[in-house]
Structure formats: C-alpha cells, structure tokens
Amino acid sequence: MPDAHEFLGAHRLFQTKSVEEARQAVARKFCDHRLELSKGEGGVAVRHNHVAGQATSLNFMTYGSDVMIDPGALQSFYLVQVPLTGRAHIHHRRVEVVADAATATVLNPDRETRMHWSHDCTKLLLQIDKTHLECVAESLIGRELPGPVRFHPAMNLENHGGRVIRRLIVACARAVDEGEIFQGEDRNRTCHIENDLALALLIHQRNNISHIIEGASDEIMPRAMRRALDYIHANLVNPIDLTQIARAAEVNVRTLQMGFRAKFGLSPMRYLKNARLDLAHYLLAANDDPVSVTEAAFSSGFSHLGRFSRDYKHRFGCVPSRIHR
C-alpha cells in the first residue's frame, strides 16, 4: 500500500475537528451531503487540500475517523476516488464497491451514492465537470452522445487501464506540489491537461460508450495523430496551416485529413479552431484572473474579433461578452 503522503499540502482548504464545519466546507466545493460519525466514534480530524483548474479539481482528503457520507446524486460532476491508505465501502446505485489500494471508484453525476470511510482512509479525488467530460467524449467519438456517459463505479487499479489513470492523477498531484501546473501561469497547458484527464478516464475505464469509442478507430491515438495534436496545442496562438500540421505529424495532408475525420469527425483546421475557442472560453470563465474579450481572442490565436465572436457563439451558444460579465 502506498505511503500516506499528503498531496497538495501547500493548498490546504481547511482542517477541522468539527463534523458540521467539515460538512459545510466540503459542500461548498462538491455538493450538499449528510456527514455522520459511525457508532462509537468520538470525533473527526478532517483535512482537505484542494486545487482547481477550469473544468477539474484535484483534492486530498481524510476524515480521521469512521464516517458515513451521503451526497445523493452529484448532479454536475464525475468524481474519481483513489484510496491511498485505508478503505471505503461505496454504494453507487445498485453496485457495492470496497475501495482500497487495489480498487478506486468512479461516481456518476446521476446516480445516488452512500459511502463509509474508515478512520485511516486517505484519498486523492479527481473532480471532472460533467459538461467538460461530455465535450471531450463527443470529440473522441466524432458525433453527439446518445445519452449520459456512465462509468462502472469500480476501477481495478491492478490492470492496465486502472494503472494508467492512477498514474496520471498522482503525476498531476505531484506536478501541483512542484508548482508546475494549476498555478495560473500557463492556462493553455492546464486546459490540455484537463482534456487528457477526461480522455484517459473515457478510454481506460469501462463505460456505456466504450463500444463506440473502440469502434471509432482500430487505434485510439496513432503516433501521427498524437504528433499532430501535440503540435496544434503547442501552437494555438501561432498562425499555423494544414501543411505545417501535416509536416509535424510526418504524414501527407490527405492522410492527416482522413485521420482527423475518422477520429473526431472534424477537419484538422476545424479541430484547431475549436481548440482555440476552448482556450478562449477557459480564459474568459476563469474565476481567479479573468481577461477581457479582446485579450482572450488574441491570446487564443484569433486576429479578427468579429469572426471570433461569431465562432464563439456558434460553439458555446452565447457571445463572449456574456461570459466575461
């Protein structure tokens, strides 16, 4: 079992011995819920460390006591819970999961949940906004979703997919501790990381669209596609064209176009535009340091404000000035 390392230690949200104070503080970051001590327990020693991007948050939590937690349905987000020490019993709809060093859990927004955390249970939690994950899922399968994405609540941390997800979450937490991500300096990189987290969950954790994802392509991310995507996201603010993307991917233009159509249902240039719009939306919606509409447009690679506003409204359903207010 991994050591009870306290991740995100420089981002302490709160520490308390009060059950009600803990319930209220956790509710502000997640959702309203019931929090009760198990029979025979005298008190709690809650620690909650928290750092957030635009569409995700990373959290380190421990209650220091046997507790029962009843959040009902989460509604607006998915929650991946990776135990570091101890164990938890999770009731998610009709499925019961014992979470420990070998098993993590994924809570779906529209499924009711009850949990029992042991006194020595510590967890890393990845919270992913429901709308963000759905957007990534639609980009992955190249069409609209047939309905809500629902993951199997038990994640086997000893198989390949579970190891990949756990390794990515832990790597992100360590990068936060080293001041490399989620610090506000490089929003483009943070946006890319948030996409990668949602993508990893969709690809590696069994869900109700796994068959669609697997059927979208024989290989989820061929090397040429990965090179193309890396080049696009590294050059969002630069004036790049189709030929340059193909050259970076080490394929011809036609092959590149066919690859993007098969993978995303989009042309490479449409994918580039959407990525730029997503970055602009991220900049405008940032709670800590929002920018002006003009700065968001120019910082995302747009040079014509009229076209930017038109494309933004087409993608997000409103003009950028509404988000900025």
C-alpha atoms as a PDB file:
ATOM      1  CA  MET A   1       0.000   0.000   0.000  1.00  0.00           C
ATOM      2  CA  PRO A   2       1.331   3.490  -0.838  1.00  0.00           C
ATOM      3  CA  ASP A   3       2.522   5.750   1.958  1.00  0.00           C
ATOM      4  CA  ALA A   4       0.004   8.215   3.386  1.00  0.00           C
ATOM      5  CA  HIS A   5       1.737  11.058   1.605  1.00  0.00           C
ATOM      6  CA  GLU A   6      -0.142  14.331   1.937  1.00  0.00           C
ATOM      7  CA  PHE A   7      -0.520  15.609  -1.607  1.00  0.00           C
ATOM      8  CA  LEU A   8      -1.345  19.268  -2.306  1.00  0.00           C
ATOM      9  CA  GLY A   9      -0.027  20.277   1.102  1.00  0.00           C
ATOM     10  CA  ALA A  10       0.523  23.885   0.028  1.00  0.00           C
ATOM     11  CA  HIS A  11      -3.158  24.123  -0.942  1.00  0.00           C
ATOM     12  CA  ARG A  12      -4.873  23.424   2.383  1.00  0.00           C
ATOM     13  CA  LEU A  13      -8.553  24.302   2.048  1.00  0.00           C
ATOM     14  CA  PHE A  14      -9.430  23.599   5.653  1.00  0.00           C
ATOM     15  CA  GLN A  15      -8.619  21.477   8.700  1.00  0.00           C
ATOM     16  CA  THR A  16     -11.155  20.903  11.438  1.00  0.00           C
ATOM     17  CA  LYS A  17     -12.336  18.630  14.240  1.00  0.00           C
ATOM     18  CA  SER A  18     -15.947  19.729  13.787  1.00  0.00           C
ATOM     19  CA  VAL A  19     -18.273  17.423  11.838  1.00  0.00           C
ATOM     20  CA  GLU A  20     -20.619  20.260  10.878  1.00  0.00           C
ATOM     21  CA  GLU A  21     -17.807  22.596   9.843  1.00  0.00           C
ATOM     22  CA  ALA A  22     -16.362  19.814   7.691  1.00  0.00           C
ATOM     23  CA  ARG A  23     -19.747  19.099   6.112  1.00  0.00           C
ATOM     24  CA  GLN A  24     -20.307  22.757   5.232  1.00  0.00           C
ATOM     25  CA  ALA A  25     -16.790  23.260   3.856  1.00  0.00           C
ATOM     26  CA  VAL A  26     -16.890  20.108   1.688  1.00  0.00           C
ATOM     27  CA  ALA A  27     -20.368  21.043   0.453  1.00  0.00           C
ATOM     28  CA  ARG A  28     -19.053  24.361  -0.852  1.00  0.00           C
ATOM     29  CA  LYS A  29     -16.539  22.587  -3.106  1.00  0.00           C
ATOM     30  CA  PHE A  30     -18.527  19.476  -4.034  1.00  0.00           C
ATOM     31  CA  CYS A  31     -22.219  19.265  -3.150  1.00  0.00           C
ATOM     32  CA  ASP A  32     -24.535  19.242  -0.153  1.00  0.00           C
ATOM     33  CA  HIS A  33     -24.472  15.943   1.729  1.00  0.00           C
ATOM     34  CA  ARG A  34     -25.023  14.173   5.012  1.00  0.00           C
ATOM     35  CA  LEU A  35     -21.934  13.522   7.140  1.00  0.00           C
ATOM     36  CA  GLU A  36     -22.230  11.375  10.254  1.00  0.00           C
ATOM     37  CA  LEU A  37     -19.824   9.685  12.625  1.00  0.00           C
ATOM     38  CA  SER A  38     -20.070   5.916  12.808  1.00  0.00           C
ATOM     39  CA  LYS A  39     -21.238   4.470  16.112  1.00  0.00           C
ATOM     40  CA  GLY A  40     -18.628   4.617  18.836  1.00  0.00           C
ATOM     41  CA  GLU A  41     -16.536   7.318  17.143  1.00  0.00           C
ATOM     42  CA  GLY A  42     -15.721  10.366  19.242  1.00  0.00           C
ATOM     43  CA  GLY A  43     -14.677  12.996  16.713  1.00  0.00           C
ATOM     44  CA  VAL A  44     -13.048  13.788  13.408  1.00  0.00           C
ATOM     45  CA  ALA A  45      -9.737  15.212  12.232  1.00  0.00           C
ATOM     46  CA  VAL A  46     -10.586  16.363   8.722  1.00  0.00           C
ATOM     47  CA  ARG A  47      -8.024  17.670   6.242  1.00  0.00           C
ATOM     48  CA  HIS A  48      -8.972  18.806   2.754  1.00  0.00           C
ATOM     49  CA  ASN A  49      -6.385  20.111   0.292  1.00  0.00           C
ATOM     50  CA  HIS A  50      -7.771  21.454  -2.976  1.00  0.00           C
ATOM     51  CA  VAL A  51      -6.542  22.941  -6.245  1.00  0.00           C
ATOM     52  CA  ALA A  52      -8.723  23.666  -9.260  1.00  0.00           C
ATOM     53  CA  GLY A  53      -8.419  24.317 -12.955  1.00  0.00           C
ATOM     54  CA  GLN A  54     -11.386  25.423 -15.020  1.00  0.00           C
ATOM     55  CA  ALA A  55     -13.100  22.050 -15.532  1.00  0.00           C
ATOM     56  CA  THR A  56     -11.396  19.823 -12.947  1.00  0.00           C
ATOM     57  CA  SER A  57     -10.125  19.867  -9.399  1.00  0.00           C
ATOM     58  CA  LEU A  58      -7.637  17.711  -7.505  1.00  0.00           C
ATOM     59  CA  ASN A  59      -8.240  17.029  -3.830  1.00  0.00           C
ATOM     60  CA  PHE A  60      -6.522  15.252  -0.947  1.00  0.00           C
ATOM     61  CA  MET A  61      -8.937  14.250   1.826  1.00  0.00           C
ATOM     62  CA  THR A  62      -9.053  12.370   5.098  1.00  0.00           C
ATOM     63  CA  TYR A  63     -11.665  12.419   7.873  1.00  0.00           C
ATOM     64  CA  GLY A  64      -9.519  10.811  10.577  1.00  0.00           C
ATOM     65  CA  SER A  65     -12.496   8.795  11.809  1.00  0.00           C
ATOM     66  CA  ASP A  66     -15.035   6.242  10.607  1.00  0.00           C
ATOM     67  CA  VAL A  67     -17.694   8.333   8.876  1.00  0.00           C
ATOM     68  CA  MET A  68     -20.802   7.843   6.778  1.00  0.00           C
ATOM     69  CA  ILE A  69     -21.182  10.214   3.798  1.00  0.00           C
ATOM     70  CA  ASP A  70     -24.403  10.513   1.805  1.00  0.00           C
ATOM     71  CA  PRO A  71     -24.138  13.025  -1.081  1.00  0.00           C
ATOM     72  CA  GLY A  72     -27.077  11.605  -3.043  1.00  0.00           C
ATOM     73  CA  ALA A  73     -26.501  12.293  -6.749  1.00  0.00           C
ATOM     74  CA  LEU A  74     -23.597  14.596  -7.583  1.00  0.00           C
ATOM     75  CA  GLN A  75     -25.551  16.197 -10.475  1.00  0.00           C
ATOM     76  CA  SER A  76     -22.896  18.332 -12.177  1.00  0.00           C
ATOM     77  CA  PHE A  77     -19.631  16.360 -11.969  1.00  0.00           C
ATOM     78  CA  TYR A  78     -17.908  12.976 -12.010  1.00  0.00           C
ATOM     79  CA  LEU A  79     -15.722  12.043  -9.048  1.00  0.00           C
ATOM     80  CA  VAL A  80     -12.791   9.632  -9.254  1.00  0.00           C
ATOM     81  CA  GLN A  81     -11.678   8.500  -5.772  1.00  0.00           C
ATOM     82  CA  VAL A  82      -8.242   6.882  -5.451  1.00  0.00           C
ATOM     83  CA  PRO A  83      -7.550   5.454  -1.958  1.00  0.00           C
ATOM     84  CA  LEU A  84      -4.014   5.995  -0.697  1.00  0.00           C
ATOM     85  CA  THR A  85      -4.492   4.296   2.694  1.00  0.00           C
ATOM     86  CA  GLY A  86      -7.371   2.596   4.467  1.00  0.00           C
ATOM     87  CA  ARG A  87     -10.557   1.582   2.719  1.00  0.00           C
ATOM     88  CA  ALA A  88     -14.085   2.724   1.956  1.00  0.00           C
ATOM     89  CA  HIS A  89     -17.359   0.958   1.225  1.00  0.00           C
ATOM     90  CA  ILE A  90     -19.234   2.607  -1.629  1.00  0.00           C
ATOM     91  CA  HIS A  91     -22.884   2.030  -2.550  1.00  0.00           C
ATOM     92  CA  HIS A  92     -23.481   3.501  -6.004  1.00  0.00           C
ATOM     93  CA  ARG A  93     -26.995   2.830  -7.261  1.00  0.00           C
ATOM     94  CA  ARG A  94     -27.176  -0.996  -7.110  1.00  0.00           C
ATOM     95  CA  VAL A  95     -23.415  -1.603  -7.089  1.00  0.00           C
ATOM     96  CA  GLU A  96     -21.325  -2.059  -3.948  1.00  0.00           C
ATOM     97  CA  VAL A  97     -17.571  -1.491  -4.108  1.00  0.00           C
ATOM     98  CA  VAL A  98     -14.880  -1.976  -1.472  1.00  0.00           C
ATOM     99  CA  ALA A  99     -12.305   0.679  -2.316  1.00  0.00           C
ATOM    100  CA  ASP A 100      -8.726   0.136  -1.215  1.00  0.00           C
ATOM    101  CA  ALA A 101      -5.186   0.148  -2.605  1.00  0.00           C
ATOM    102  CA  ALA A 102      -6.310  -2.144  -5.441  1.00  0.00           C
ATOM    103  CA  THR A 103      -9.673  -0.564  -6.254  1.00  0.00           C
ATOM    104  CA  ALA A 104     -10.672   3.034  -6.912  1.00  0.00           C
ATOM    105  CA  THR A 105     -14.200   4.287  -7.574  1.00  0.00           C
ATOM    106  CA  VAL A 106     -15.876   6.496 -10.159  1.00  0.00           C
ATOM    107  CA  LEU A 107     -19.100   8.232  -9.119  1.00  0.00           C
ATOM    108  CA  ASN A 108     -21.530   9.232 -11.876  1.00  0.00           C
ATOM    109  CA  PRO A 109     -23.477  12.515 -11.648  1.00  0.00           C
ATOM    110  CA  ASP A 110     -26.954  10.958 -11.979  1.00  0.00           C
ATOM    111  CA  ARG A 111     -26.503   8.011  -9.613  1.00  0.00           C
ATOM    112  CA  GLU A 112     -27.098   8.226  -5.854  1.00  0.00           C
ATOM    113  CA  THR A 113     -24.167   7.335  -3.611  1.00  0.00           C
ATOM    114  CA  ARG A 114     -23.554   6.442   0.039  1.00  0.00           C
ATOM    115  CA  MET A 115     -20.061   5.919   1.456  1.00  0.00           C
ATOM    116  CA  HIS A 116     -18.395   4.648   4.596  1.00  0.00           C
ATOM    117  CA  TRP A 117     -14.772   5.796   5.003  1.00  0.00           C
ATOM    118  CA  SER A 118     -12.573   4.019   7.553  1.00  0.00           C
ATOM    119  CA  HIS A 119     -10.732   6.098  10.162  1.00  0.00           C
ATOM    120  CA  ASP A 120      -7.404   5.651   8.320  1.00  0.00           C
ATOM    121  CA  CYS A 121      -8.798   6.291   4.832  1.00  0.00           C
ATOM    122  CA  THR A 122      -6.999   8.949   2.780  1.00  0.00           C
ATOM    123  CA  LYS A 123      -7.846   9.613  -0.850  1.00  0.00           C
ATOM    124  CA  LEU A 124      -6.867  11.566  -3.914  1.00  0.00           C
ATOM    125  CA  LEU A 125     -10.025  12.836  -5.598  1.00  0.00           C
ATOM    126  CA  LEU A 126     -10.339  13.965  -9.209  1.00  0.00           C
ATOM    127  CA  GLN A 127     -13.462  16.009  -9.857  1.00  0.00           C
ATOM    128  CA  ILE A 128     -14.389  16.471 -13.554  1.00  0.00           C
ATOM    129  CA  ASP A 129     -17.145  18.793 -14.730  1.00  0.00           C
ATOM    130  CA  LYS A 130     -19.918  16.836 -16.491  1.00  0.00           C
ATOM    131  CA  THR A 131     -20.163  19.246 -19.435  1.00  0.00           C
ATOM    132  CA  HIS A 132     -16.405  19.134 -19.972  1.00  0.00           C
ATOM    133  CA  LEU A 133     -16.277  15.345 -19.993  1.00  0.00           C
ATOM    134  CA  GLU A 134     -19.200  15.176 -22.422  1.00  0.00           C
ATOM    135  CA  CYS A 135     -17.458  17.637 -24.747  1.00  0.00           C
ATOM    136  CA  VAL A 136     -14.282  15.511 -24.729  1.00  0.00           C
ATOM    137  CA  ALA A 137     -16.364  12.366 -25.301  1.00  0.00           C
ATOM    138  CA  GLU A 138     -18.080  13.878 -28.340  1.00  0.00           C
ATOM    139  CA  SER A 139     -14.734  14.944 -29.776  1.00  0.00           C
ATOM    140  CA  LEU A 140     -13.449  11.416 -29.222  1.00  0.00           C
ATOM    141  CA  ILE A 141     -16.305   9.617 -30.998  1.00  0.00           C
ATOM    142  CA  GLY A 142     -16.860  12.336 -33.608  1.00  0.00           C
ATOM    143  CA  ARG A 143     -20.604  12.756 -33.009  1.00  0.00           C
ATOM    144  CA  GLU A 144     -23.213  13.656 -30.416  1.00  0.00           C
ATOM    145  CA  LEU A 145     -23.538  11.405 -27.412  1.00  0.00           C
ATOM    146  CA  PRO A 146     -26.539   9.067 -27.429  1.00  0.00           C
ATOM    147  CA  GLY A 147     -27.173   9.876 -23.763  1.00  0.00           C
ATOM    148  CA  PRO A 148     -25.380  10.433 -20.427  1.00  0.00           C
ATOM    149  CA  VAL A 149     -21.921   8.879 -20.052  1.00  0.00           C
ATOM    150  CA  ARG A 150     -21.938   6.394 -17.184  1.00  0.00           C
ATOM    151  CA  PHE A 151     -18.832   4.659 -15.865  1.00  0.00           C
ATOM    152  CA  HIS A 152     -18.680   1.392 -13.995  1.00  0.00           C
ATOM    153  CA  PRO A 153     -18.093   2.544 -10.407  1.00  0.00           C
ATOM    154  CA  ALA A 154     -15.304   0.024  -9.651  1.00  0.00           C
ATOM    155  CA  MET A 155     -11.876   0.813 -11.125  1.00  0.00           C
ATOM    156  CA  ASN A 156      -9.326  -2.000 -10.949  1.00  0.00           C
ATOM    157  CA  LEU A 157      -6.013  -0.317 -10.125  1.00  0.00           C
ATOM    158  CA  GLU A 158      -4.108  -3.518 -10.850  1.00  0.00           C
ATOM    159  CA  ASN A 159      -4.998  -3.757 -14.538  1.00  0.00           C
ATOM    160  CA  HIS A 160      -3.518  -1.637 -17.316  1.00  0.00           C
ATOM    161  CA  GLY A 161      -6.316   0.932 -17.564  1.00  0.00           C
ATOM    162  CA  GLY A 162      -6.550   1.498 -13.826  1.00  0.00           C
ATOM    163  CA  ARG A 163      -2.784   1.877 -13.525  1.00  0.00           C
ATOM    164  CA  VAL A 164      -2.765   4.452 -16.322  1.00  0.00           C
ATOM    165  CA  ILE A 165      -5.482   6.555 -14.675  1.00  0.00           C
ATOM    166  CA  ARG A 166      -3.964   6.332 -11.193  1.00  0.00           C
ATOM    167  CA  ARG A 167      -0.509   7.179 -12.514  1.00  0.00           C
ATOM    168  CA  LEU A 168      -1.869  10.240 -14.346  1.00  0.00           C
ATOM    169  CA  ILE A 169      -3.795  11.536 -11.315  1.00  0.00           C
ATOM    170  CA  VAL A 170      -0.819  11.048  -8.986  1.00  0.00           C
ATOM    171  CA  ALA A 171       1.526  12.660 -11.540  1.00  0.00           C
ATOM    172  CA  CYS A 172      -0.759  15.697 -11.723  1.00  0.00           C
ATOM    173  CA  ALA A 173      -0.842  15.970  -7.926  1.00  0.00           C
ATOM    174  CA  ARG A 174       2.957  15.796  -7.783  1.00  0.00           C
ATOM    175  CA  ALA A 175       3.232  18.400 -10.538  1.00  0.00           C
ATOM    176  CA  VAL A 176       0.982  20.698  -8.483  1.00  0.00           C
ATOM    177  CA  ASP A 177       3.203  20.130  -5.449  1.00  0.00           C
ATOM    178  CA  GLU A 178       6.211  21.105  -7.551  1.00  0.00           C
ATOM    179  CA  GLY A 179       4.471  24.261  -8.796  1.00  0.00           C
ATOM    180  CA  GLU A 180       4.302  23.095 -12.402  1.00  0.00           C
ATOM    181  CA  ILE A 181       0.541  23.043 -13.131  1.00  0.00           C
ATOM    182  CA  PHE A 182      -2.747  24.574 -11.955  1.00  0.00           C
ATOM    183  CA  GLN A 183      -0.860  27.665 -10.813  1.00  0.00           C
ATOM    184  CA  GLY A 184      -2.394  30.114 -13.311  1.00  0.00           C
ATOM    185  CA  GLU A 185       0.758  30.889 -15.279  1.00  0.00           C
ATOM    186  CA  ASP A 186       0.136  28.568 -18.241  1.00  0.00           C
ATOM    187  CA  ARG A 187      -3.566  28.226 -18.909  1.00  0.00           C
ATOM    188  CA  ASN A 188      -3.008  26.603 -22.286  1.00  0.00           C
ATOM    189  CA  ARG A 189      -1.116  23.758 -20.601  1.00  0.00           C
ATOM    190  CA  THR A 190      -3.742  23.431 -17.858  1.00  0.00           C
ATOM    191  CA  CYS A 191      -6.511  23.203 -20.471  1.00  0.00           C
ATOM    192  CA  HIS A 192      -4.547  20.476 -22.279  1.00  0.00           C
ATOM    193  CA  ILE A 193      -4.023  18.532 -19.031  1.00  0.00           C
ATOM    194  CA  GLU A 194      -7.723  18.709 -18.179  1.00  0.00           C
ATOM    195  CA  ASN A 195      -8.550  17.287 -21.606  1.00  0.00           C
ATOM    196  CA  ASP A 196      -6.022  14.489 -21.088  1.00  0.00           C
ATOM    197  CA  LEU A 197      -7.551  13.570 -17.705  1.00  0.00           C
ATOM    198  CA  ALA A 198     -11.049  13.279 -19.181  1.00  0.00           C
ATOM    199  CA  LEU A 199      -9.691  11.402 -22.207  1.00  0.00           C
ATOM    200  CA  ALA A 200      -7.844   8.881 -20.028  1.00  0.00           C
ATOM    201  CA  LEU A 201     -10.969   8.190 -17.989  1.00  0.00           C
ATOM    202  CA  LEU A 202     -13.084   7.678 -21.119  1.00  0.00           C
ATOM    203  CA  ILE A 203     -10.580   5.379 -22.801  1.00  0.00           C
ATOM    204  CA  HIS A 204      -9.379   3.312 -19.840  1.00  0.00           C
ATOM    205  CA  GLN A 205     -12.413   2.978 -17.526  1.00  0.00           C
ATOM    206  CA  ARG A 206     -15.316   0.809 -18.680  1.00  0.00           C
ATOM    207  CA  ASN A 207     -18.376   2.894 -19.530  1.00  0.00           C
ATOM    208  CA  ASN A 208     -21.556   2.777 -21.582  1.00  0.00           C
ATOM    209  CA  ILE A 209     -19.913   4.267 -24.690  1.00  0.00           C
ATOM    210  CA  SER A 210     -16.783   2.115 -24.579  1.00  0.00           C
ATOM    211  CA  HIS A 211     -18.016   0.163 -27.592  1.00  0.00           C
ATOM    212  CA  ILE A 212     -18.468   3.399 -29.570  1.00  0.00           C
ATOM    213  CA  ILE A 213     -15.001   4.614 -28.601  1.00  0.00           C
ATOM    214  CA  GLU A 214     -13.432   1.288 -29.539  1.00  0.00           C
ATOM    215  CA  GLY A 215     -15.293   1.250 -32.850  1.00  0.00           C
ATOM    216  CA  ALA A 216     -14.278   4.792 -33.766  1.00  0.00           C
ATOM    217  CA  SER A 217     -10.814   3.576 -34.759  1.00  0.00           C
ATOM    218  CA  ASP A 218      -8.673   0.464 -34.571  1.00  0.00           C
ATOM    219  CA  GLU A 219      -6.118   2.544 -32.655  1.00  0.00           C
ATOM    220  CA  ILE A 220      -7.271   5.270 -30.296  1.00  0.00           C
ATOM    221  CA  MET A 221      -4.302   7.561 -30.813  1.00  0.00           C
ATOM    222  CA  PRO A 222      -1.891   6.616 -33.610  1.00  0.00           C
ATOM    223  CA  ARG A 223       1.536   8.201 -33.346  1.00  0.00           C
ATOM    224  CA  ALA A 224       0.900  10.550 -36.262  1.00  0.00           C
ATOM    225  CA  MET A 225      -2.307  11.821 -34.641  1.00  0.00           C
ATOM    226  CA  ARG A 226      -0.544  12.361 -31.340  1.00  0.00           C
ATOM    227  CA  ARG A 227       2.209  14.327 -33.073  1.00  0.00           C
ATOM    228  CA  ALA A 228      -0.422  16.429 -34.854  1.00  0.00           C
ATOM    229  CA  LEU A 229      -2.341  17.129 -31.644  1.00  0.00           C
ATOM    230  CA  ASP A 230       0.820  17.992 -29.737  1.00  0.00           C
ATOM    231  CA  TYR A 231       1.805  20.436 -32.482  1.00  0.00           C
ATOM    232  CA  ILE A 232      -1.650  22.039 -32.564  1.00  0.00           C
ATOM    233  CA  HIS A 233      -1.845  22.533 -28.789  1.00  0.00           C
ATOM    234  CA  ALA A 234       1.718  23.863 -28.666  1.00  0.00           C
ATOM    235  CA  ASN A 235       0.900  26.442 -31.344  1.00  0.00           C
ATOM    236  CA  LEU A 236      -2.633  27.607 -30.563  1.00  0.00           C
ATOM    237  CA  VAL A 237      -1.616  31.265 -30.572  1.00  0.00           C
ATOM    238  CA  ASN A 238       0.538  30.991 -33.699  1.00  0.00           C
ATOM    239  CA  PRO A 239      -0.660  31.291 -37.329  1.00  0.00           C
ATOM    240  CA  ILE A 240      -0.242  27.666 -38.454  1.00  0.00           C
ATOM    241  CA  ASP A 241      -1.720  25.962 -41.509  1.00  0.00           C
ATOM    242  CA  LEU A 242      -2.649  22.477 -42.671  1.00  0.00           C
ATOM    243  CA  THR A 243       0.699  21.840 -44.354  1.00  0.00           C
ATOM    244  CA  GLN A 244       2.622  22.658 -41.186  1.00  0.00           C
ATOM    245  CA  ILE A 245       0.442  20.324 -39.111  1.00  0.00           C
ATOM    246  CA  ALA A 246       0.941  17.502 -41.631  1.00  0.00           C
ATOM    247  CA  ARG A 247       4.689  18.094 -41.626  1.00  0.00           C
ATOM    248  CA  ALA A 248       4.771  17.924 -37.817  1.00  0.00           C
ATOM    249  CA  ALA A 249       2.730  14.700 -37.914  1.00  0.00           C
ATOM    250  CA  GLU A 250       5.085  13.256 -40.541  1.00  0.00           C
ATOM    251  CA  VAL A 251       2.233  12.343 -42.917  1.00  0.00           C
ATOM    252  CA  ASN A 252       0.792  13.870 -46.070  1.00  0.00           C
ATOM    253  CA  VAL A 253      -2.131  16.281 -45.945  1.00  0.00           C
ATOM    254  CA  ARG A 254      -4.670  13.751 -47.240  1.00  0.00           C
ATOM    255  CA  THR A 255      -3.710  11.161 -44.639  1.00  0.00           C
ATOM    256  CA  LEU A 256      -3.912  13.813 -41.921  1.00  0.00           C
ATOM    257  CA  GLN A 257      -7.400  14.854 -43.045  1.00  0.00           C
ATOM    258  CA  MET A 258      -8.611  11.259 -43.140  1.00  0.00           C
ATOM    259  CA  GLY A 259      -7.192  10.628 -39.662  1.00  0.00           C
ATOM    260  CA  PHE A 260      -8.972  13.619 -38.130  1.00  0.00           C
ATOM    261  CA  ARG A 261     -12.237  12.716 -39.871  1.00  0.00           C
ATOM    262  CA  ALA A 262     -12.047   9.160 -38.563  1.00  0.00           C
ATOM    263  CA  LYS A 263     -11.059  10.186 -35.044  1.00  0.00           C
ATOM    264  CA  PHE A 264     -13.004  13.400 -34.417  1.00  0.00           C
ATOM    265  CA  GLY A 265     -15.397  13.819 -37.330  1.00  0.00           C
ATOM    266  CA  LEU A 266     -13.643  17.141 -37.988  1.00  0.00           C
ATOM    267  CA  SER A 267     -11.042  18.552 -40.325  1.00  0.00           C
ATOM    268  CA  PRO A 268      -7.664  19.401 -38.735  1.00  0.00           C
ATOM    269  CA  MET A 269      -8.355  23.116 -39.145  1.00  0.00           C
ATOM    270  CA  ARG A 270     -11.801  22.836 -37.547  1.00  0.00           C
ATOM    271  CA  TYR A 271     -10.215  20.956 -34.659  1.00  0.00           C
ATOM    272  CA  LEU A 272      -7.640  23.765 -34.374  1.00  0.00           C
ATOM    273  CA  LYS A 273     -10.372  26.406 -34.321  1.00  0.00           C
ATOM    274  CA  ASN A 274     -12.341  24.508 -31.666  1.00  0.00           C
ATOM    275  CA  ALA A 275      -9.222  24.138 -29.521  1.00  0.00           C
ATOM    276  CA  ARG A 276      -8.613  27.886 -29.774  1.00  0.00           C
ATOM    277  CA  LEU A 277     -12.240  28.613 -28.862  1.00  0.00           C
ATOM    278  CA  ASP A 278     -11.998  26.245 -25.890  1.00  0.00           C
ATOM    279  CA  LEU A 279      -8.906  28.102 -24.700  1.00  0.00           C
ATOM    280  CA  ALA A 280     -10.655  31.467 -25.094  1.00  0.00           C
ATOM    281  CA  HIS A 281     -13.652  30.147 -23.155  1.00  0.00           C
ATOM    282  CA  TYR A 282     -11.303  28.927 -20.431  1.00  0.00           C
ATOM    283  CA  LEU A 283      -9.643  32.358 -20.189  1.00  0.00           C
ATOM    284  CA  LEU A 284     -12.962  34.220 -20.064  1.00  0.00           C
ATOM    285  CA  ALA A 285     -14.521  31.909 -17.485  1.00  0.00           C
ATOM    286  CA  ALA A 286     -11.523  31.824 -15.137  1.00  0.00           C
ATOM    287  CA  ASN A 287     -12.647  32.772 -11.661  1.00  0.00           C
ATOM    288  CA  ASP A 288      -9.264  33.862 -10.319  1.00  0.00           C
ATOM    289  CA  ASP A 289      -7.985  36.099 -13.097  1.00  0.00           C
ATOM    290  CA  PRO A 290     -10.443  36.615 -15.992  1.00  0.00           C
ATOM    291  CA  VAL A 291      -9.298  38.561 -19.048  1.00  0.00           C
ATOM    292  CA  SER A 292     -11.074  40.901 -21.460  1.00  0.00           C
ATOM    293  CA  VAL A 293     -12.779  39.569 -24.595  1.00  0.00           C
ATOM    294  CA  THR A 294     -10.108  41.175 -26.775  1.00  0.00           C
ATOM    295  CA  GLU A 295      -7.259  39.691 -24.752  1.00  0.00           C
ATOM    296  CA  ALA A 296      -8.922  36.257 -24.757  1.00  0.00           C
ATOM    297  CA  ALA A 297      -9.291  36.366 -28.546  1.00  0.00           C
ATOM    298  CA  PHE A 298      -5.720  37.449 -29.244  1.00  0.00           C
ATOM    299  CA  SER A 299      -4.289  35.085 -26.612  1.00  0.00           C
ATOM    300  CA  SER A 300      -6.079  32.186 -28.308  1.00  0.00           C
ATOM    301  CA  GLY A 301      -4.818  32.809 -31.807  1.00  0.00           C
ATOM    302  CA  PHE A 302      -7.690  34.906 -33.230  1.00  0.00           C
ATOM    303  CA  SER A 303      -6.882  38.115 -35.085  1.00  0.00           C
ATOM    304  CA  HIS A 304     -10.400  39.157 -36.165  1.00  0.00           C
ATOM    305  CA  LEU A 305     -12.756  39.997 -33.267  1.00  0.00           C
ATOM    306  CA  GLY A 306     -15.919  39.809 -35.395  1.00  0.00           C
ATOM    307  CA  ARG A 307     -15.194  36.295 -36.609  1.00  0.00           C
ATOM    308  CA  PHE A 308     -14.093  35.297 -33.119  1.00  0.00           C
ATOM    309  CA  SER A 309     -17.426  36.445 -31.650  1.00  0.00           C
ATOM    310  CA  ARG A 310     -19.383  34.633 -34.381  1.00  0.00           C
ATOM    311  CA  ASP A 311     -17.456  31.374 -33.961  1.00  0.00           C
ATOM    312  CA  TYR A 312     -17.636  31.600 -30.183  1.00  0.00           C
ATOM    313  CA  LYS A 313     -21.435  31.985 -30.259  1.00  0.00           C
ATOM    314  CA  HIS A 314     -21.733  29.043 -32.643  1.00  0.00           C
ATOM    315  CA  ARG A 315     -19.701  26.782 -30.308  1.00  0.00           C
ATOM    316  CA  PHE A 316     -20.974  27.922 -26.891  1.00  0.00           C
ATOM    317  CA  GLY A 317     -24.422  29.366 -27.640  1.00  0.00           C
ATOM    318  CA  CYS A 318     -23.698  32.897 -26.428  1.00  0.00           C
ATOM    319  CA  VAL A 319     -21.454  35.833 -27.278  1.00  0.00           C
ATOM    320  CA  PRO A 320     -18.168  36.020 -25.358  1.00  0.00           C
ATOM    321  CA  SER A 321     -19.122  39.255 -23.616  1.00  0.00           C
ATOM    322  CA  ARG A 322     -21.821  37.389 -21.639  1.00  0.00           C
ATOM    323  CA  ILE A 323     -19.223  35.040 -20.149  1.00  0.00           C
ATOM    324  CA  HIS A 324     -16.939  37.970 -19.388  1.00  0.00           C
ATOM    325  CA  ARG A 325     -19.606  39.739 -17.345  1.00  0.00           C
END
